[in-house]
Amino acid sequence: MMKNEESQIAEVLDFSKHKIEQMILAAKRNPKITQNNICTLEAVLDLYLEGSINISWVKGEPYMSLSPDVDFDEEALKEKFSQIIAEQ
């Protein structure tokens, strides 16, 4: 058991944030990936970071769902997604 004076602060890794950021970086480095695909990934990251969507991982692939904490439905999410893409 550690004593208080031996405790250290640890940074918690947000796997979804880290993985999506890696996907964006890889997409930007790949000349075959379109700018629209990159914008889509960036919009997904924005929606995730603001808490509008949850990301779960199945066999290394991201699956997105509406966060239960948001007040809007899938249509409102699509509208918000479109707005984020238009701003980029």
N, C-alpha and C. Protein backbone atom coordinates (compact mmCIF):
# COMPACT_ATOMS: atom_id res chain seq x y z
N MET A 1 0.84 -1.18 0.00
CA MET A 1 0.00 0.00 0.00
C MET A 1 0.89 1.24 0.00
N MET A 2 0.55 2.21 -0.85
CA MET A 2 1.35 3.43 -0.96
C MET A 2 0.95 4.45 0.10
N LYS A 3 1.92 5.13 0.60
CA LYS A 3 1.65 6.22 1.53
C LYS A 3 1.32 7.46 0.70
N ASN A 4 0.63 8.43 1.30
CA ASN A 4 0.24 9.64 0.60
C ASN A 4 1.42 10.37 -0.03
N GLU A 5 2.54 10.45 0.69
CA GLU A 5 3.68 11.18 0.15
C GLU A 5 4.31 10.46 -1.05
N GLU A 6 3.98 9.20 -1.24
CA GLU A 6 4.50 8.45 -2.38
C GLU A 6 3.54 8.45 -3.57
N SER A 7 2.35 8.98 -3.39
CA SER A 7 1.37 9.00 -4.47
C SER A 7 1.86 9.89 -5.60
N GLN A 8 1.49 9.52 -6.77
CA GLN A 8 1.84 10.30 -7.95
C GLN A 8 0.59 10.55 -8.76
N ILE A 9 0.58 11.65 -9.46
CA ILE A 9 -0.56 11.97 -10.31
C ILE A 9 -0.40 11.21 -11.62
N ALA A 10 -1.47 10.59 -12.04
CA ALA A 10 -1.45 9.85 -13.30
C ALA A 10 -2.42 10.49 -14.28
N GLU A 11 -2.03 10.52 -15.53
CA GLU A 11 -2.90 11.03 -16.57
C GLU A 11 -3.76 9.88 -17.09
N VAL A 12 -5.04 10.13 -17.22
CA VAL A 12 -5.95 9.10 -17.73
C VAL A 12 -6.04 9.26 -19.24
N LEU A 13 -5.84 8.17 -19.94
CA LEU A 13 -5.88 8.19 -21.40
C LEU A 13 -7.31 7.94 -21.87
N ASP A 14 -7.81 8.84 -22.69
CA ASP A 14 -9.11 8.66 -23.33
C ASP A 14 -8.84 7.93 -24.63
N PHE A 15 -9.07 6.62 -24.64
CA PHE A 15 -8.73 5.79 -25.78
C PHE A 15 -9.43 6.27 -27.05
N SER A 16 -10.71 6.58 -26.97
CA SER A 16 -11.46 6.99 -28.17
C SER A 16 -10.88 8.27 -28.76
N LYS A 17 -10.59 9.25 -27.91
CA LYS A 17 -9.99 10.50 -28.38
C LYS A 17 -8.65 10.22 -29.05
N HIS A 18 -7.83 9.46 -28.38
CA HIS A 18 -6.50 9.12 -28.90
C HIS A 18 -6.60 8.39 -30.24
N LYS A 19 -7.46 7.41 -30.32
CA LYS A 19 -7.58 6.60 -31.53
C LYS A 19 -8.12 7.41 -32.70
N ILE A 20 -9.15 8.24 -32.46
CA ILE A 20 -9.70 9.07 -33.54
C ILE A 20 -8.65 10.08 -34.00
N GLU A 21 -7.89 10.66 -33.07
CA GLU A 21 -6.82 11.58 -33.46
C GLU A 21 -5.78 10.87 -34.32
N GLN A 22 -5.45 9.63 -33.99
CA GLN A 22 -4.52 8.85 -34.81
C GLN A 22 -5.10 8.60 -36.20
N MET A 23 -6.39 8.31 -36.26
CA MET A 23 -7.04 8.07 -37.56
C MET A 23 -7.01 9.33 -38.42
N ILE A 24 -7.23 10.49 -37.80
CA ILE A 24 -7.18 11.77 -38.53
C ILE A 24 -5.78 12.01 -39.06
N LEU A 25 -4.78 11.81 -38.23
CA LEU A 25 -3.39 12.02 -38.65
C LEU A 25 -3.02 11.08 -39.80
N ALA A 26 -3.40 9.82 -39.68
CA ALA A 26 -3.11 8.85 -40.75
C ALA A 26 -3.83 9.24 -42.04
N ALA A 27 -5.06 9.72 -41.92
CA ALA A 27 -5.82 10.13 -43.10
C ALA A 27 -5.17 11.33 -43.79
N LYS A 28 -4.68 12.28 -42.98
CA LYS A 28 -4.03 13.47 -43.55
C LYS A 28 -2.74 13.11 -44.27
N ARG A 29 -2.08 12.05 -43.83
CA ARG A 29 -0.82 11.63 -44.45
C ARG A 29 -1.04 10.75 -45.68
N ASN A 30 -2.26 10.28 -45.87
CA ASN A 30 -2.56 9.38 -46.98
C ASN A 30 -3.13 10.18 -48.15
N PRO A 31 -2.41 10.28 -49.26
CA PRO A 31 -2.89 11.08 -50.39
C PRO A 31 -4.17 10.51 -51.04
N LYS A 32 -4.51 9.28 -50.75
CA LYS A 32 -5.72 8.69 -51.33
C LYS A 32 -6.99 9.05 -50.55
N ILE A 33 -6.83 9.58 -49.34
CA ILE A 33 -7.98 9.94 -48.52
C ILE A 33 -8.44 11.35 -48.89
N THR A 34 -9.74 11.50 -49.11
CA THR A 34 -10.28 12.81 -49.51
C THR A 34 -10.41 13.74 -48.31
N GLN A 35 -10.47 15.02 -48.61
CA GLN A 35 -10.65 16.03 -47.57
C GLN A 35 -12.00 15.82 -46.87
N ASN A 36 -13.01 15.35 -47.60
CA ASN A 36 -14.32 15.09 -46.98
C ASN A 36 -14.21 14.01 -45.91
N ASN A 37 -13.42 12.98 -46.16
CA ASN A 37 -13.24 11.93 -45.16
C ASN A 37 -12.55 12.47 -43.90
N ILE A 38 -11.57 13.33 -44.12
CA ILE A 38 -10.86 13.93 -42.98
C ILE A 38 -11.82 14.81 -42.18
N CYS A 39 -12.63 15.61 -42.88
CA CYS A 39 -13.60 16.47 -42.20
C CYS A 39 -14.62 15.64 -41.41
N THR A 40 -14.99 14.51 -41.95
CA THR A 40 -15.93 13.62 -41.24
C THR A 40 -15.31 13.13 -39.94
N LEU A 41 -14.07 12.68 -40.00
CA LEU A 41 -13.40 12.22 -38.79
C LEU A 41 -13.26 13.34 -37.77
N GLU A 42 -12.93 14.54 -38.23
CA GLU A 42 -12.79 15.67 -37.31
C GLU A 42 -14.13 16.03 -36.67
N ALA A 43 -15.21 15.94 -37.45
CA ALA A 43 -16.54 16.22 -36.90
C ALA A 43 -16.93 15.17 -35.86
N VAL A 44 -16.60 13.91 -36.13
CA VAL A 44 -16.87 12.84 -35.17
C VAL A 44 -16.13 13.13 -33.86
N LEU A 45 -14.87 13.52 -33.97
CA LEU A 45 -14.09 13.84 -32.77
C LEU A 45 -14.71 15.00 -32.01
N ASP A 46 -15.13 16.05 -32.72
CA ASP A 46 -15.77 17.20 -32.06
C ASP A 46 -17.03 16.77 -31.32
N LEU A 47 -17.88 15.99 -31.97
CA LEU A 47 -19.12 15.54 -31.34
C LEU A 47 -18.84 14.67 -30.13
N TYR A 48 -17.81 13.84 -30.22
CA TYR A 48 -17.43 12.99 -29.09
C TYR A 48 -16.93 13.83 -27.92
N LEU A 49 -16.05 14.79 -28.20
CA LEU A 49 -15.46 15.61 -27.14
C LEU A 49 -16.50 16.48 -26.44
N GLU A 50 -17.52 16.90 -27.17
CA GLU A 50 -18.56 17.72 -26.52
C GLU A 50 -19.62 16.86 -25.83
N GLY A 51 -19.51 15.55 -25.97
CA GLY A 51 -20.41 14.65 -25.27
C GLY A 51 -21.71 14.33 -25.99
N SER A 52 -21.79 14.69 -27.27
CA SER A 52 -23.01 14.42 -28.03
C SER A 52 -23.13 12.96 -28.46
N ILE A 53 -21.98 12.33 -28.66
CA ILE A 53 -22.00 10.92 -29.06
C ILE A 53 -21.07 10.12 -28.17
N ASN A 54 -21.33 8.84 -28.10
CA ASN A 54 -20.45 7.87 -27.46
C ASN A 54 -19.79 7.06 -28.57
N ILE A 55 -18.58 6.63 -28.33
CA ILE A 55 -17.89 5.76 -29.29
C ILE A 55 -17.52 4.48 -28.56
N SER A 56 -17.95 3.38 -29.14
CA SER A 56 -17.52 2.07 -28.62
C SER A 56 -16.72 1.40 -29.72
N TRP A 57 -15.90 0.46 -29.34
CA TRP A 57 -14.98 -0.17 -30.30
C TRP A 57 -15.27 -1.66 -30.37
N VAL A 58 -15.49 -2.13 -31.58
CA VAL A 58 -15.75 -3.55 -31.82
C VAL A 58 -14.76 -4.02 -32.88
N LYS A 59 -13.88 -4.94 -32.48
CA LYS A 59 -12.85 -5.47 -33.38
C LYS A 59 -12.05 -4.34 -34.04
N GLY A 60 -11.75 -3.30 -33.26
CA GLY A 60 -10.93 -2.20 -33.74
C GLY A 60 -11.66 -1.15 -34.55
N GLU A 61 -12.96 -1.30 -34.73
CA GLU A 61 -13.74 -0.34 -35.52
C GLU A 61 -14.63 0.49 -34.59
N PRO A 62 -14.72 1.81 -34.86
CA PRO A 62 -15.56 2.66 -34.00
C PRO A 62 -17.04 2.54 -34.36
N TYR A 63 -17.86 2.48 -33.34
CA TYR A 63 -19.32 2.51 -33.51
C TYR A 63 -19.84 3.66 -32.66
N MET A 64 -20.59 4.56 -33.31
CA MET A 64 -21.07 5.75 -32.64
C MET A 64 -22.54 5.62 -32.29
N SER A 65 -22.89 6.21 -31.16
CA SER A 65 -24.29 6.26 -30.74
C SER A 65 -24.54 7.58 -30.03
N LEU A 66 -25.80 8.00 -30.03
CA LEU A 66 -26.16 9.21 -29.31
C LEU A 66 -25.89 9.03 -27.83
N SER A 67 -25.34 10.04 -27.23
CA SER A 67 -25.12 10.00 -25.79
C SER A 67 -26.47 10.14 -25.09
N PRO A 68 -26.70 9.39 -24.04
CA PRO A 68 -27.98 9.51 -23.33
C PRO A 68 -28.13 10.86 -22.62
N ASP A 69 -27.05 11.62 -22.52
CA ASP A 69 -27.08 12.92 -21.83
C ASP A 69 -27.53 14.07 -22.72
N VAL A 70 -27.74 13.85 -24.02
CA VAL A 70 -28.12 14.94 -24.92
C VAL A 70 -29.63 14.99 -25.09
N ASP A 71 -30.11 16.18 -25.44
CA ASP A 71 -31.55 16.40 -25.55
C ASP A 71 -32.07 16.29 -26.98
N PHE A 72 -31.26 15.85 -27.90
CA PHE A 72 -31.75 15.82 -29.27
C PHE A 72 -31.76 14.41 -29.84
N ASP A 73 -32.44 14.28 -30.99
CA ASP A 73 -32.57 12.98 -31.64
C ASP A 73 -31.57 12.85 -32.77
N GLU A 74 -31.68 11.78 -33.52
CA GLU A 74 -30.73 11.52 -34.60
C GLU A 74 -30.77 12.59 -35.69
N GLU A 75 -31.95 13.12 -35.99
CA GLU A 75 -32.06 14.17 -37.01
C GLU A 75 -31.33 15.44 -36.57
N ALA A 76 -31.47 15.80 -35.31
CA ALA A 76 -30.77 16.97 -34.78
C ALA A 76 -29.26 16.73 -34.79
N LEU A 77 -28.86 15.49 -34.51
CA LEU A 77 -27.44 15.15 -34.56
C LEU A 77 -26.89 15.29 -35.98
N LYS A 78 -27.66 14.84 -36.96
CA LYS A 78 -27.24 14.98 -38.37
C LYS A 78 -27.07 16.45 -38.73
N GLU A 79 -27.99 17.29 -38.26
CA GLU A 79 -27.91 18.72 -38.52
C GLU A 79 -26.66 19.31 -37.87
N LYS A 80 -26.40 18.94 -36.64
CA LYS A 80 -25.21 19.43 -35.94
C LYS A 80 -23.94 18.97 -36.64
N PHE A 81 -23.94 17.73 -37.09
CA PHE A 81 -22.81 17.16 -37.82
C PHE A 81 -22.55 17.99 -39.10
N SER A 82 -23.62 18.28 -39.82
CA SER A 82 -23.50 19.08 -41.06
C SER A 82 -22.96 20.47 -40.77
N GLN A 83 -23.38 21.07 -39.67
CA GLN A 83 -22.89 22.39 -39.30
C GLN A 83 -21.40 22.35 -39.01
N ILE A 84 -20.96 21.34 -38.29
CA ILE A 84 -19.53 21.23 -37.96
C ILE A 84 -18.71 21.09 -39.24
N ILE A 85 -19.18 20.28 -40.16
CA ILE A 85 -18.45 20.08 -41.43
C ILE A 85 -18.41 21.37 -42.23
N ALA A 86 -19.51 22.12 -42.24
CA ALA A 86 -19.56 23.38 -42.99
C ALA A 86 -18.60 24.42 -42.42
N GLU A 87 -18.35 24.37 -41.11
CA GLU A 87 -17.45 25.32 -40.46
C GLU A 87 -15.99 25.03 -40.71
N GLN A 88 -15.68 23.82 -41.13
CA GLN A 88 -14.26 23.45 -41.29
C GLN A 88 -13.69 23.92 -42.59
